[in-house]
Amino acid sequence: MQRALMKSFRVLPLRFIYAGMAVFVIPFCMLFGRKGYRAIYHFFRQRMGYGPWRAFRNVYLNHLCFGKVVVDRFAAYAGKHFEYDLEGYNRFLELTGEESGFMVLSCHVGNYEIAGYAFRAMKKPMNALVFSGEAATVMEGRSRLLGGNNIHMIPVSDDMSHLFAMNTALSNGEILSIPGDRVFGSPRTVTCQFFGSDAKFPLGPYKLATARRVPVLAIYVMKESARRYQVLIRELSALDEPLSAEALAQRFATETERVIRQYPTQWFNFYEFWDA
C-alpha cells in the first residue's frame, strides 16, 4: 500500500491530490475524528479569540494543511522536489563548523521533517529522536533520503538506550534534534506561559540542553504554497549561556507562539494542550 502510494506521487500533480483531499478526505476526517476536531476548535475559539464560524473554517483549513504536509512527505520520498526559503541558515551553518555540539528543538508546527531534505549534506551529523510506529516502507524511505544529508535517526526504545545515544551525540560534537512540545506521558514537565495561559512542556529536552551548556536552535518549516516552504531558524541560547531549563522552555514557548500566530492553521495539535 505504502509503495503504491509513493509510485502514484511520482506522476500525479500535487494540486490534484490536494483537491481530492479538500473535497472528500477532510470532511470525512472532521466528521468522524471528533476528539481532534474539538481540541483544535477550542484552540481557535479560546486562544486565538475567533468567533464560531471563523473557528470552524480554520479547523477545516488546519486539517487540510495537515493533509498536505503528509502528502508532501510521501512526495519527497517519491522524489519530488520542493523550494525552500531559509531564514537564519547562516547561524546554523556557523554552528555546524564549531567543535561543540548543539541541539535543535522541533515541534508539531509546519513540516519539520521535510527540512531534512532541504539542508545539503552537513559537516556535522544530525541525530533526530523519532518515535516508532510508522510503516517499515516509510522508515526505509526516510532513512535513505535523510542519510544522504548526514541525518540519522535515534528511535525511542523501551530500554531507554536512546538516552545514551543522545548524550553520545552531544559528547561527539554532533547535532541532536528533539521535539520540544510533547510530553508523551512523562511526569517531568515544565509549565510555561503559552497563548495567555499555563501549558505543560516536556522538561527533558531543556534539562539536557542546560546541563550540557550547548547552543540551542528552534526550527520551524512552514508551508507557503504547493511547492514552497519557509524555514525559520531561531537561536534560543548560546554556548555556555547560564540559563535554567525553565527559562529555556519559556523561550521556546514564546517563539513557538509567535510562529503559530503567523501561521495559525499549521499547528497540528489534536489534543487538549491546556489543562483548563
C-alpha atoms as a PDB file:
ATOM      1  CA  MET A   1       0.000   0.000   0.000  1.00  0.00           C
ATOM      2  CA  GLN A   2       2.719   2.460   1.007  1.00  0.00           C
ATOM      3  CA  ARG A   3       4.818   1.649  -2.060  1.00  0.00           C
ATOM      4  CA  ALA A   4       1.814   2.073  -4.364  1.00  0.00           C
ATOM      5  CA  LEU A   5       1.085   5.482  -2.870  1.00  0.00           C
ATOM      6  CA  MET A   6       4.642   6.658  -3.378  1.00  0.00           C
ATOM      7  CA  LYS A   7       4.610   5.484  -7.002  1.00  0.00           C
ATOM      8  CA  SER A   8       1.438   7.482  -7.608  1.00  0.00           C
ATOM      9  CA  PHE A   9       3.091  10.636  -6.247  1.00  0.00           C
ATOM     10  CA  ARG A  10       5.736  10.401  -8.980  1.00  0.00           C
ATOM     11  CA  VAL A  11       3.129  11.014 -11.685  1.00  0.00           C
ATOM     12  CA  LEU A  12       0.194  12.855 -10.068  1.00  0.00           C
ATOM     13  CA  PRO A  13       0.385  16.659  -9.653  1.00  0.00           C
ATOM     14  CA  LEU A  14       0.317  17.731  -6.016  1.00  0.00           C
ATOM     15  CA  ARG A  15      -2.550  20.170  -6.599  1.00  0.00           C
ATOM     16  CA  PHE A  16      -4.676  17.306  -7.945  1.00  0.00           C
ATOM     17  CA  ILE A  17      -4.076  15.297  -4.765  1.00  0.00           C
ATOM     18  CA  TYR A  18      -4.757  18.354  -2.585  1.00  0.00           C
ATOM     19  CA  ALA A  19      -8.076  18.933  -4.360  1.00  0.00           C
ATOM     20  CA  GLY A  20      -9.189  15.360  -3.733  1.00  0.00           C
ATOM     21  CA  MET A  21      -8.411  15.716  -0.039  1.00  0.00           C
ATOM     22  CA  ALA A  22     -10.240  19.044   0.206  1.00  0.00           C
ATOM     23  CA  VAL A  23     -13.461  17.633  -1.236  1.00  0.00           C
ATOM     24  CA  PHE A  24     -13.545  14.071   0.077  1.00  0.00           C
ATOM     25  CA  VAL A  25     -10.966  13.215   2.742  1.00  0.00           C
ATOM     26  CA  ILE A  26     -11.003  16.246   5.058  1.00  0.00           C
ATOM     27  CA  PRO A  27     -14.818  16.415   5.540  1.00  0.00           C
ATOM     28  CA  PHE A  28     -14.776  12.692   6.372  1.00  0.00           C
ATOM     29  CA  CYS A  29     -11.964  13.157   8.923  1.00  0.00           C
ATOM     30  CA  MET A  30     -13.718  16.075  10.572  1.00  0.00           C
ATOM     31  CA  LEU A  31     -16.987  14.156  10.772  1.00  0.00           C
ATOM     32  CA  PHE A  32     -15.520  11.047  12.396  1.00  0.00           C
ATOM     33  CA  GLY A  33     -12.458  12.459  14.185  1.00  0.00           C
ATOM     34  CA  ARG A  34     -14.380  14.477  16.729  1.00  0.00           C
ATOM     35  CA  LYS A  35     -11.764  14.381  19.506  1.00  0.00           C
ATOM     36  CA  GLY A  36      -9.068  16.041  17.414  1.00  0.00           C
ATOM     37  CA  TYR A  37     -11.628  18.375  15.889  1.00  0.00           C
ATOM     38  CA  ARG A  38     -12.782  19.645  19.299  1.00  0.00           C
ATOM     39  CA  ALA A  39      -9.230  20.245  20.521  1.00  0.00           C
ATOM     40  CA  ILE A  40      -8.225  22.432  17.595  1.00  0.00           C
ATOM     41  CA  TYR A  41     -11.629  24.165  17.585  1.00  0.00           C
ATOM     42  CA  HIS A  42     -11.105  25.100  21.239  1.00  0.00           C
ATOM     43  CA  PHE A  43      -7.691  26.480  20.307  1.00  0.00           C
ATOM     44  CA  PHE A  44      -9.154  28.823  17.708  1.00  0.00           C
ATOM     45  CA  ARG A  45     -12.041  29.871  19.961  1.00  0.00           C
ATOM     46  CA  GLN A  46     -10.287  30.214  23.330  1.00  0.00           C
ATOM     47  CA  ARG A  47      -6.665  31.050  22.453  1.00  0.00           C
ATOM     48  CA  MET A  48      -6.955  32.862  19.120  1.00  0.00           C
ATOM     49  CA  GLY A  49     -10.263  34.519  20.047  1.00  0.00           C
ATOM     50  CA  TYR A  50     -12.052  33.627  16.805  1.00  0.00           C
ATOM     51  CA  GLY A  51     -15.833  33.578  16.503  1.00  0.00           C
ATOM     52  CA  PRO A  52     -17.638  30.241  15.925  1.00  0.00           C
ATOM     53  CA  TRP A  53     -17.769  30.360  12.121  1.00  0.00           C
ATOM     54  CA  ARG A  54     -14.209  31.637  11.723  1.00  0.00           C
ATOM     55  CA  ALA A  55     -13.012  28.948  14.138  1.00  0.00           C
ATOM     56  CA  PHE A  56     -14.860  26.242  12.193  1.00  0.00           C
ATOM     57  CA  ARG A  57     -13.384  27.478   8.896  1.00  0.00           C
ATOM     58  CA  ASN A  58      -9.884  27.417  10.374  1.00  0.00           C
ATOM     59  CA  VAL A  59     -10.393  23.903  11.721  1.00  0.00           C
ATOM     60  CA  TYR A  60     -11.131  22.818   8.153  1.00  0.00           C
ATOM     61  CA  LEU A  61      -8.062  24.682   6.827  1.00  0.00           C
ATOM     62  CA  ASN A  62      -5.937  23.199   9.613  1.00  0.00           C
ATOM     63  CA  HIS A  63      -6.997  19.646   8.730  1.00  0.00           C
ATOM     64  CA  LEU A  64      -6.426  20.349   5.037  1.00  0.00           C
ATOM     65  CA  CYS A  65      -2.967  21.788   5.672  1.00  0.00           C
ATOM     66  CA  PHE A  66      -2.074  18.745   7.787  1.00  0.00           C
ATOM     67  CA  GLY A  67      -3.133  16.500   4.928  1.00  0.00           C
ATOM     68  CA  LYS A  68      -0.977  18.493   2.503  1.00  0.00           C
ATOM     69  CA  VAL A  69       2.021  18.164   4.817  1.00  0.00           C
ATOM     70  CA  VAL A  70       1.593  14.377   4.968  1.00  0.00           C
ATOM     71  CA  VAL A  71       1.270  14.241   1.185  1.00  0.00           C
ATOM     72  CA  ASP A  72       4.416  16.337   0.806  1.00  0.00           C
ATOM     73  CA  ARG A  73       6.368  13.885   2.945  1.00  0.00           C
ATOM     74  CA  PHE A  74       5.345  10.986   0.725  1.00  0.00           C
ATOM     75  CA  ALA A  75       6.041  13.108  -2.345  1.00  0.00           C
ATOM     76  CA  ALA A  76       9.560  13.758  -1.046  1.00  0.00           C
ATOM     77  CA  TYR A  77      10.065  10.012  -0.546  1.00  0.00           C
ATOM     78  CA  ALA A  78       8.907   9.559  -4.142  1.00  0.00           C
ATOM     79  CA  GLY A  79      11.492  12.023  -5.431  1.00  0.00           C
ATOM     80  CA  LYS A  80       9.536  15.261  -5.863  1.00  0.00           C
ATOM     81  CA  HIS A  81      11.474  18.433  -5.094  1.00  0.00           C
ATOM     82  CA  PHE A  82      10.336  21.484  -3.149  1.00  0.00           C
ATOM     83  CA  GLU A  83      11.712  25.006  -2.943  1.00  0.00           C
ATOM     84  CA  TYR A  84      12.907  26.440   0.383  1.00  0.00           C
ATOM     85  CA  ASP A  85      13.449  29.971   1.642  1.00  0.00           C
ATOM     86  CA  LEU A  86      15.925  29.782   4.525  1.00  0.00           C
ATOM     87  CA  GLU A  87      15.888  32.395   7.292  1.00  0.00           C
ATOM     88  CA  GLY A  88      18.680  32.164   9.869  1.00  0.00           C
ATOM     89  CA  TYR A  89      20.505  29.430   7.952  1.00  0.00           C
ATOM     90  CA  ASN A  90      23.863  31.202   8.229  1.00  0.00           C
ATOM     91  CA  ARG A  91      23.805  30.776  12.002  1.00  0.00           C
ATOM     92  CA  PHE A  92      23.006  27.098  11.567  1.00  0.00           C
ATOM     93  CA  LEU A  93      25.994  26.722   9.243  1.00  0.00           C
ATOM     94  CA  GLU A  94      28.246  28.586  11.703  1.00  0.00           C
ATOM     95  CA  LEU A  95      27.355  26.143  14.467  1.00  0.00           C
ATOM     96  CA  THR A  96      27.999  23.134  12.236  1.00  0.00           C
ATOM     97  CA  GLY A  97      31.549  24.432  11.774  1.00  0.00           C
ATOM     98  CA  GLU A  98      32.296  24.645  15.510  1.00  0.00           C
ATOM     99  CA  GLU A  99      33.692  21.867  17.700  1.00  0.00           C
ATOM    100  CA  SER A 100      30.837  21.882  20.199  1.00  0.00           C
ATOM    101  CA  GLY A 101      27.649  20.018  19.502  1.00  0.00           C
ATOM    102  CA  PHE A 102      24.306  21.754  19.644  1.00  0.00           C
ATOM    103  CA  MET A 103      20.605  20.995  19.950  1.00  0.00           C
ATOM    104  CA  VAL A 104      17.702  21.669  17.620  1.00  0.00           C
ATOM    105  CA  LEU A 105      14.195  21.812  19.065  1.00  0.00           C
ATOM    106  CA  SER A 106      11.308  20.937  16.801  1.00  0.00           C
ATOM    107  CA  CYS A 107       7.573  20.946  17.380  1.00  0.00           C
ATOM    108  CA  HIS A 108       4.346  19.910  15.690  1.00  0.00           C
ATOM    109  CA  VAL A 109       4.170  23.100  13.654  1.00  0.00           C
ATOM    110  CA  GLY A 110       4.501  23.085   9.882  1.00  0.00           C
ATOM    111  CA  ASN A 111       6.545  20.297   8.282  1.00  0.00           C
ATOM    112  CA  TYR A 112       9.790  19.986  10.235  1.00  0.00           C
ATOM    113  CA  GLU A 113      10.790  16.652   8.736  1.00  0.00           C
ATOM    114  CA  ILE A 114      10.936  17.993   5.201  1.00  0.00           C
ATOM    115  CA  ALA A 115      13.673  20.430   6.284  1.00  0.00           C
ATOM    116  CA  GLY A 116      15.984  17.438   6.369  1.00  0.00           C
ATOM    117  CA  TYR A 117      15.657  17.229   2.614  1.00  0.00           C
ATOM    118  CA  ALA A 118      16.350  20.974   2.226  1.00  0.00           C
ATOM    119  CA  PHE A 119      19.703  21.013   4.032  1.00  0.00           C
ATOM    120  CA  ARG A 120      22.617  19.891   1.919  1.00  0.00           C
ATOM    121  CA  ALA A 121      24.981  17.317   3.423  1.00  0.00           C
ATOM    122  CA  MET A 122      26.236  18.850   6.666  1.00  0.00           C
ATOM    123  CA  LYS A 123      29.674  18.903   8.230  1.00  0.00           C
ATOM    124  CA  LYS A 124      28.234  17.558  11.488  1.00  0.00           C
ATOM    125  CA  PRO A 125      25.959  14.539  11.700  1.00  0.00           C
ATOM    126  CA  MET A 126      22.449  15.381  12.889  1.00  0.00           C
ATOM    127  CA  ASN A 127      20.795  12.818  15.157  1.00  0.00           C
ATOM    128  CA  ALA A 128      17.000  13.083  15.299  1.00  0.00           C
ATOM    129  CA  LEU A 129      14.946  11.484  18.052  1.00  0.00           C
ATOM    130  CA  VAL A 130      11.968   9.709  16.467  1.00  0.00           C
ATOM    131  CA  PHE A 131       9.059   7.727  17.837  1.00  0.00           C
ATOM    132  CA  SER A 132       8.315   4.278  16.437  1.00  0.00           C
ATOM    133  CA  GLY A 133       5.040   3.066  14.977  1.00  0.00           C
ATOM    134  CA  GLU A 134       5.317   4.049  11.318  1.00  0.00           C
ATOM    135  CA  ALA A 135       5.304   1.606   8.440  1.00  0.00           C
ATOM    136  CA  ALA A 136       8.613  -0.014   7.500  1.00  0.00           C
ATOM    137  CA  THR A 137       8.403   1.473   3.991  1.00  0.00           C
ATOM    138  CA  VAL A 138       8.151   4.993   5.391  1.00  0.00           C
ATOM    139  CA  MET A 139      11.038   4.429   7.787  1.00  0.00           C
ATOM    140  CA  GLU A 140      13.135   2.975   4.988  1.00  0.00           C
ATOM    141  CA  GLY A 141      12.473   5.920   2.679  1.00  0.00           C
ATOM    142  CA  ARG A 142      13.120   8.417   5.447  1.00  0.00           C
ATOM    143  CA  SER A 143      16.433   6.787   6.397  1.00  0.00           C
ATOM    144  CA  ARG A 144      17.592   6.681   2.790  1.00  0.00           C
ATOM    145  CA  LEU A 145      16.811  10.316   1.992  1.00  0.00           C
ATOM    146  CA  LEU A 146      17.887  11.840   5.291  1.00  0.00           C
ATOM    147  CA  GLY A 147      21.019   9.724   5.458  1.00  0.00           C
ATOM    148  CA  GLY A 148      22.218  11.346   2.255  1.00  0.00           C
ATOM    149  CA  ASN A 149      22.268  14.681   4.109  1.00  0.00           C
ATOM    150  CA  ASN A 150      24.152  13.221   7.096  1.00  0.00           C
ATOM    151  CA  ILE A 151      20.968  12.967   9.197  1.00  0.00           C
ATOM    152  CA  HIS A 152      20.453   9.841  11.305  1.00  0.00           C
ATOM    153  CA  MET A 153      17.546   8.698  13.447  1.00  0.00           C
ATOM    154  CA  ILE A 154      17.553   7.701  17.116  1.00  0.00           C
ATOM    155  CA  PRO A 155      14.422   5.587  17.710  1.00  0.00           C
ATOM    156  CA  VAL A 156      12.874   5.846  21.174  1.00  0.00           C
ATOM    157  CA  SER A 157      13.290   2.420  22.797  1.00  0.00           C
ATOM    158  CA  ASP A 158      11.750   0.706  25.816  1.00  0.00           C
ATOM    159  CA  ASP A 159      15.173   0.003  27.300  1.00  0.00           C
ATOM    160  CA  MET A 160      15.934   3.761  27.283  1.00  0.00           C
ATOM    161  CA  SER A 161      19.089   3.224  25.217  1.00  0.00           C
ATOM    162  CA  HIS A 162      18.121   6.295  23.198  1.00  0.00           C
ATOM    163  CA  LEU A 163      19.150   8.429  26.191  1.00  0.00           C
ATOM    164  CA  PHE A 164      22.695   7.084  25.901  1.00  0.00           C
ATOM    165  CA  ALA A 165      22.692   7.762  22.141  1.00  0.00           C
ATOM    166  CA  MET A 166      21.524  11.342  22.716  1.00  0.00           C
ATOM    167  CA  ASN A 167      24.289  12.082  25.212  1.00  0.00           C
ATOM    168  CA  THR A 168      26.859  10.409  22.980  1.00  0.00           C
ATOM    169  CA  ALA A 169      25.851  12.611  20.049  1.00  0.00           C
ATOM    170  CA  LEU A 170      26.436  15.795  22.039  1.00  0.00           C
ATOM    171  CA  SER A 171      29.687  14.459  23.525  1.00  0.00           C
ATOM    172  CA  ASN A 172      30.923  13.804  19.984  1.00  0.00           C
ATOM    173  CA  GLY A 173      30.206  17.392  18.976  1.00  0.00           C
ATOM    174  CA  GLU A 174      27.230  16.426  16.799  1.00  0.00           C
ATOM    175  CA  ILE A 175      23.720  17.861  16.393  1.00  0.00           C
ATOM    176  CA  LEU A 176      20.814  16.488  18.418  1.00  0.00           C
ATOM    177  CA  SER A 177      17.242  17.151  17.283  1.00  0.00           C
ATOM    178  CA  ILE A 178      14.411  16.645  19.806  1.00  0.00           C
ATOM    179  CA  PRO A 179      10.695  17.558  19.827  1.00  0.00           C
ATOM    180  CA  GLY A 180      10.195  20.310  22.386  1.00  0.00           C
ATOM    181  CA  ASP A 181       6.405  20.404  22.677  1.00  0.00           C
ATOM    182  CA  ARG A 182       5.075  16.952  23.539  1.00  0.00           C
ATOM    183  CA  VAL A 183       5.032  15.391  27.000  1.00  0.00           C
ATOM    184  CA  PHE A 184       4.204  11.813  25.841  1.00  0.00           C
ATOM    185  CA  GLY A 185       3.073  10.778  29.336  1.00  0.00           C
ATOM    186  CA  SER A 186       6.288  11.825  31.103  1.00  0.00           C
ATOM    187  CA  PRO A 187       5.762  13.114  34.664  1.00  0.00           C
ATOM    188  CA  ARG A 188       8.676  15.551  34.218  1.00  0.00           C
ATOM    189  CA  THR A 189       7.144  18.704  32.829  1.00  0.00           C
ATOM    190  CA  VAL A 190       7.692  22.447  32.973  1.00  0.00           C
ATOM    191  CA  THR A 191       4.853  24.969  32.983  1.00  0.00           C
ATOM    192  CA  CYS A 192       5.173  27.858  30.534  1.00  0.00           C
ATOM    193  CA  GLN A 193       3.038  30.811  29.587  1.00  0.00           C
ATOM    194  CA  PHE A 194       1.607  29.942  26.186  1.00  0.00           C
ATOM    195  CA  PHE A 195      -1.180  31.894  24.492  1.00  0.00           C
ATOM    196  CA  GLY A 196      -2.020  33.665  27.725  1.00  0.00           C
ATOM    197  CA  SER A 197      -2.375  30.581  29.919  1.00  0.00           C
ATOM    198  CA  ASP A 198      -0.343  27.850  31.621  1.00  0.00           C
ATOM    199  CA  ALA A 199       0.682  24.922  29.419  1.00  0.00           C
ATOM    200  CA  LYS A 200       2.916  21.943  30.123  1.00  0.00           C
ATOM    201  CA  PHE A 201       6.025  21.250  28.059  1.00  0.00           C
ATOM    202  CA  PRO A 202       8.434  18.290  28.481  1.00  0.00           C
ATOM    203  CA  LEU A 203      11.245  19.126  30.876  1.00  0.00           C
ATOM    204  CA  GLY A 204      13.766  16.605  29.494  1.00  0.00           C
ATOM    205  CA  PRO A 205      14.996  18.466  26.382  1.00  0.00           C
ATOM    206  CA  TYR A 206      15.582  21.670  28.340  1.00  0.00           C
ATOM    207  CA  LYS A 207      17.310  19.912  31.234  1.00  0.00           C
ATOM    208  CA  LEU A 208      19.641  18.189  28.801  1.00  0.00           C
ATOM    209  CA  ALA A 209      20.464  21.415  26.946  1.00  0.00           C
ATOM    210  CA  THR A 210      21.171  23.455  30.078  1.00  0.00           C
ATOM    211  CA  ALA A 211      23.139  20.662  31.748  1.00  0.00           C
ATOM    212  CA  ARG A 212      25.383  20.311  28.688  1.00  0.00           C
ATOM    213  CA  ARG A 213      25.558  24.114  28.132  1.00  0.00           C
ATOM    214  CA  VAL A 214      25.209  23.712  24.369  1.00  0.00           C
ATOM    215  CA  PRO A 215      23.681  26.174  21.892  1.00  0.00           C
ATOM    216  CA  VAL A 216      20.000  25.594  21.175  1.00  0.00           C
ATOM    217  CA  LEU A 217      18.118  26.408  17.984  1.00  0.00           C
ATOM    218  CA  ALA A 218      14.412  26.143  17.208  1.00  0.00           C
ATOM    219  CA  ILE A 219      13.489  25.321  13.617  1.00  0.00           C
ATOM    220  CA  TYR A 220      10.047  25.822  12.062  1.00  0.00           C
ATOM    221  CA  VAL A 221       9.295  24.756   8.484  1.00  0.00           C
ATOM    222  CA  MET A 222       6.156  26.476   7.242  1.00  0.00           C
ATOM    223  CA  LYS A 223       4.234  25.667   4.078  1.00  0.00           C
ATOM    224  CA  GLU A 224       3.796  28.712   1.829  1.00  0.00           C
ATOM    225  CA  SER A 225       2.457  27.139  -1.375  1.00  0.00           C
ATOM    226  CA  ALA A 226       2.210  23.807  -3.156  1.00  0.00           C
ATOM    227  CA  ARG A 227       5.966  23.608  -3.804  1.00  0.00           C
ATOM    228  CA  ARG A 228       7.495  26.180  -1.454  1.00  0.00           C
ATOM    229  CA  TYR A 229       8.402  26.178   2.259  1.00  0.00           C
ATOM    230  CA  GLN A 230       9.718  28.887   4.568  1.00  0.00           C
ATOM    231  CA  VAL A 231      12.370  27.587   7.003  1.00  0.00           C
ATOM    232  CA  LEU A 232      12.660  29.735  10.144  1.00  0.00           C
ATOM    233  CA  ILE A 233      15.739  29.120  12.305  1.00  0.00           C
ATOM    234  CA  ARG A 234      15.777  30.853  15.707  1.00  0.00           C
ATOM    235  CA  GLU A 235      18.624  30.798  18.254  1.00  0.00           C
ATOM    236  CA  LEU A 236      17.279  30.265  21.781  1.00  0.00           C
ATOM    237  CA  SER A 237      20.550  30.033  23.724  1.00  0.00           C
ATOM    238  CA  ALA A 238      24.261  30.391  23.027  1.00  0.00           C
ATOM    239  CA  LEU A 239      27.241  28.249  24.039  1.00  0.00           C
ATOM    240  CA  ASP A 240      27.795  28.231  27.840  1.00  0.00           C
ATOM    241  CA  GLU A 241      24.922  30.674  28.417  1.00  0.00           C
ATOM    242  CA  PRO A 242      23.894  30.383  32.112  1.00  0.00           C
ATOM    243  CA  LEU A 243      20.230  29.564  31.623  1.00  0.00           C
ATOM    244  CA  SER A 244      17.791  27.465  33.621  1.00  0.00           C
ATOM    245  CA  ALA A 245      15.750  24.725  31.997  1.00  0.00           C
ATOM    246  CA  GLU A 246      12.582  26.634  32.874  1.00  0.00           C
ATOM    247  CA  ALA A 247      13.831  29.828  31.216  1.00  0.00           C
ATOM    248  CA  LEU A 248      14.872  27.954  28.085  1.00  0.00           C
ATOM    249  CA  ALA A 249      11.490  26.231  27.890  1.00  0.00           C
ATOM    250  CA  GLN A 250       9.759  29.600  28.154  1.00  0.00           C
ATOM    251  CA  ARG A 251      11.897  30.992  25.315  1.00  0.00           C
ATOM    252  CA  PHE A 252      10.843  28.060  23.160  1.00  0.00           C
ATOM    253  CA  ALA A 253       7.175  28.502  24.085  1.00  0.00           C
ATOM    254  CA  THR A 254       7.321  32.233  23.323  1.00  0.00           C
ATOM    255  CA  GLU A 255       8.977  31.714  19.935  1.00  0.00           C
ATOM    256  CA  THR A 256       6.585  28.900  19.050  1.00  0.00           C
ATOM    257  CA  GLU A 257       3.587  31.082  19.899  1.00  0.00           C
ATOM    258  CA  ARG A 258       4.981  33.837  17.678  1.00  0.00           C
ATOM    259  CA  VAL A 259       5.244  31.445  14.723  1.00  0.00           C
ATOM    260  CA  ILE A 260       1.794  29.931  15.317  1.00  0.00           C
ATOM    261  CA  ARG A 261       0.188  33.365  15.381  1.00  0.00           C
ATOM    262  CA  GLN A 262       1.738  33.974  11.967  1.00  0.00           C
ATOM    263  CA  TYR A 263       0.627  30.541  10.656  1.00  0.00           C
ATOM    264  CA  PRO A 264      -2.395  29.621  12.831  1.00  0.00           C
ATOM    265  CA  THR A 265      -3.600  26.749  10.628  1.00  0.00           C
ATOM    266  CA  GLN A 266      -0.209  24.998  10.749  1.00  0.00           C
ATOM    267  CA  TRP A 267      -0.188  23.968  14.406  1.00  0.00           C
ATOM    268  CA  PHE A 268      -1.044  20.286  14.307  1.00  0.00           C
ATOM    269  CA  ASN A 269      -2.109  19.762  17.892  1.00  0.00           C
ATOM    270  CA  PHE A 270      -5.063  17.386  18.056  1.00  0.00           C
ATOM    271  CA  TYR A 271      -5.469  17.010  21.796  1.00  0.00           C
ATOM    272  CA  GLU A 272      -6.295  19.411  24.637  1.00  0.00           C
ATOM    273  CA  PHE A 273      -2.979  21.147  25.219  1.00  0.00           C
ATOM    274  CA  TRP A 274      -4.177  23.253  28.144  1.00  0.00           C
ATOM    275  CA  ASP A 275      -5.495  21.882  31.409  1.00  0.00           C
ATOM    276  CA  ALA A 276      -8.341  24.381  31.520  1.00  0.00           C
END
